[in-house]
Amino acid sequence: MNYPADLKYTKNDEWIRADGKSAAMGVSDFAQHQLSDVVFVEVTAAVGDHLDAGAAYASVESVKAAADVYAPASGTVTEINAALADTPELVNSDPYGAAWMIRITLDDPTQLDGLLDAAAYEAFCKEREA
């Protein structure tokens, strides 16, 4: 598994990468591994929508299961990764790069302080694998 140190994580297996007040988000390597082969991604949020932390903004379907994706922090949607509609398998091959799902302008960047860092998220994932 891959746990990039520049990200923050949720216990629902989402990640967020912030650069000032701008942030990209998606699902973790652990999540895509659990889902198996992703066959469909639907981002239900639209540009301009305001999301509260914990609000569902997308769904991911695989050959094994379907899962909602939740916002790790509050903010306004500025961009949606349209490529995922045609190439949902990016979630499996590049969960932290090409498979980002949305970008937002954060309401309050200090919200990220309450999320897991890479070491804590890796430990959380290993507990669930045991």
Protein backbone atom coordinates (compact mmCIF):
# COMPACT_ATOMS: atom_id res chain seq x y z
CA MET A 1 0.00 0.00 0.00
CA ASN A 2 0.99 3.57 -0.61
CA TYR A 3 0.52 6.30 2.02
CA PRO A 4 1.91 9.60 0.68
CA ALA A 5 3.08 11.85 3.51
CA ASP A 6 1.77 15.04 1.87
CA LEU A 7 -1.85 13.93 2.23
CA LYS A 8 -4.37 13.83 5.06
CA TYR A 9 -6.76 10.89 5.36
CA THR A 10 -10.16 9.98 6.79
CA LYS A 11 -11.25 6.76 8.45
CA ASN A 12 -13.58 6.34 5.46
CA ASP A 13 -10.49 5.99 3.22
CA GLU A 14 -10.60 9.36 1.50
CA TRP A 15 -7.55 11.57 1.01
CA ILE A 16 -7.10 15.30 0.63
CA ARG A 17 -4.08 17.24 -0.64
CA ALA A 18 -4.18 20.93 0.23
CA ASP A 19 -2.14 23.75 -1.24
CA GLY A 20 -3.16 26.80 0.74
CA LYS A 21 -6.95 27.06 0.42
CA SER A 22 -7.12 24.86 -2.68
CA ALA A 23 -7.42 21.10 -2.23
CA ALA A 24 -7.82 17.97 -4.34
CA MET A 25 -9.46 14.83 -2.97
CA GLY A 26 -10.14 11.23 -3.85
CA VAL A 27 -10.06 7.68 -2.48
CA SER A 28 -6.99 6.04 -0.98
CA ASP A 29 -4.88 3.20 -2.28
CA PHE A 30 -6.29 1.06 0.55
CA ALA A 31 -9.86 1.84 -0.60
CA GLN A 32 -9.21 1.00 -4.25
CA HIS A 33 -7.49 -2.22 -3.17
CA GLN A 34 -10.53 -3.21 -1.09
CA LEU A 35 -12.93 -2.34 -3.91
CA SER A 36 -10.92 -4.27 -6.52
CA ASP A 37 -11.47 -3.41 -10.19
CA VAL A 38 -13.27 -0.05 -10.39
CA VAL A 39 -15.72 0.02 -13.30
CA PHE A 40 -17.68 3.24 -12.67
CA VAL A 41 -17.13 6.59 -10.97
CA GLU A 42 -19.89 9.17 -10.64
CA VAL A 43 -19.16 12.57 -9.15
CA THR A 44 -22.51 13.86 -7.92
CA ALA A 45 -21.24 17.28 -6.85
CA ALA A 46 -21.12 20.09 -9.38
CA VAL A 47 -18.78 23.05 -9.77
CA GLY A 48 -20.03 25.78 -7.46
CA ASP A 49 -21.62 23.38 -4.96
CA HIS A 50 -20.71 23.86 -1.32
CA LEU A 51 -19.85 20.63 0.52
CA ASP A 52 -19.77 20.17 4.25
CA ALA A 53 -17.14 17.84 5.70
CA GLY A 54 -18.61 14.35 5.64
CA ALA A 55 -21.00 15.04 2.74
CA ALA A 56 -21.12 12.45 -0.04
CA TYR A 57 -19.87 13.88 -3.33
CA ALA A 58 -19.25 10.78 -5.47
CA SER A 59 -19.84 7.07 -5.77
CA VAL A 60 -17.45 4.39 -6.93
CA GLU A 61 -18.54 1.00 -8.24
CA SER A 62 -16.32 -2.02 -8.69
CA VAL A 63 -16.78 -5.64 -9.61
CA LYS A 64 -17.08 -6.34 -5.86
CA ALA A 65 -18.96 -3.41 -4.31
CA ALA A 66 -20.20 0.14 -4.49
CA ALA A 67 -19.15 2.90 -2.11
CA ASP A 68 -19.94 6.53 -1.52
CA VAL A 69 -17.07 9.01 -1.30
CA TYR A 70 -17.22 11.71 1.38
CA ALA A 71 -15.60 15.13 1.61
CA PRO A 72 -12.80 15.22 4.19
CA ALA A 73 -13.26 18.98 4.65
CA SER A 74 -15.78 21.71 3.85
CA GLY A 75 -15.49 23.92 0.81
CA THR A 76 -16.77 24.97 -2.60
CA VAL A 77 -16.23 22.71 -5.60
CA THR A 78 -14.00 24.37 -8.21
CA GLU A 79 -13.24 21.47 -10.54
CA ILE A 80 -14.36 17.92 -11.30
CA ASN A 81 -12.12 15.28 -12.85
CA ALA A 82 -14.13 14.51 -16.00
CA ALA A 83 -11.58 11.87 -17.09
CA LEU A 84 -12.93 9.45 -14.47
CA ALA A 85 -16.22 9.06 -16.35
CA ASP A 86 -14.40 7.46 -19.29
CA THR A 87 -11.48 5.89 -17.42
CA PRO A 88 -12.67 4.82 -13.95
CA GLU A 89 -9.78 2.36 -13.75
CA LEU A 90 -7.53 5.34 -12.94
CA VAL A 91 -8.76 4.88 -9.37
CA ASN A 92 -6.92 1.53 -9.34
CA SER A 93 -3.80 2.58 -11.23
CA ASP A 94 -3.17 6.09 -9.84
CA PRO A 95 -5.42 6.82 -6.82
CA TYR A 96 -3.33 9.79 -5.62
CA GLY A 97 -2.58 11.33 -9.00
CA ALA A 98 -4.73 11.06 -12.12
CA ALA A 99 -7.71 9.73 -10.11
CA TRP A 100 -8.32 12.86 -8.03
CA MET A 101 -12.09 13.33 -8.03
CA ILE A 102 -12.75 16.97 -7.19
CA ARG A 103 -10.95 20.15 -6.25
CA ILE A 104 -12.38 22.55 -3.71
CA THR A 105 -11.62 25.89 -2.14
CA LEU A 106 -11.42 25.11 1.56
CA ASP A 107 -13.63 27.05 3.96
CA ASP A 108 -11.12 26.57 6.76
CA PRO A 109 -7.75 24.88 6.12
CA THR A 110 -7.42 24.16 9.86
CA GLN A 111 -10.13 21.49 9.42
CA LEU A 112 -7.35 19.30 8.03
CA ASP A 113 -5.69 19.27 11.45
CA GLY A 114 -8.39 16.85 12.62
CA LEU A 115 -7.60 14.28 9.91
CA LEU A 116 -5.13 11.40 9.99
CA ASP A 117 -1.56 11.90 8.82
CA ALA A 118 0.10 9.20 6.70
CA ALA A 119 1.58 7.27 9.66
CA ALA A 120 -1.72 7.23 11.58
CA TYR A 121 -3.67 6.22 8.46
CA GLU A 122 -1.22 3.42 7.66
CA ALA A 123 -1.56 2.09 11.22
CA PHE A 124 -5.38 2.31 10.93
CA CYS A 125 -5.30 0.33 7.67
CA LYS A 126 -3.01 -2.34 9.10
CA GLU A 127 -5.39 -2.82 12.07
CA ARG A 128 -8.23 -3.56 9.65
CA GLU A 129 -6.16 -6.04 7.66
CA ALA A 130 -5.30 -8.11 10.73
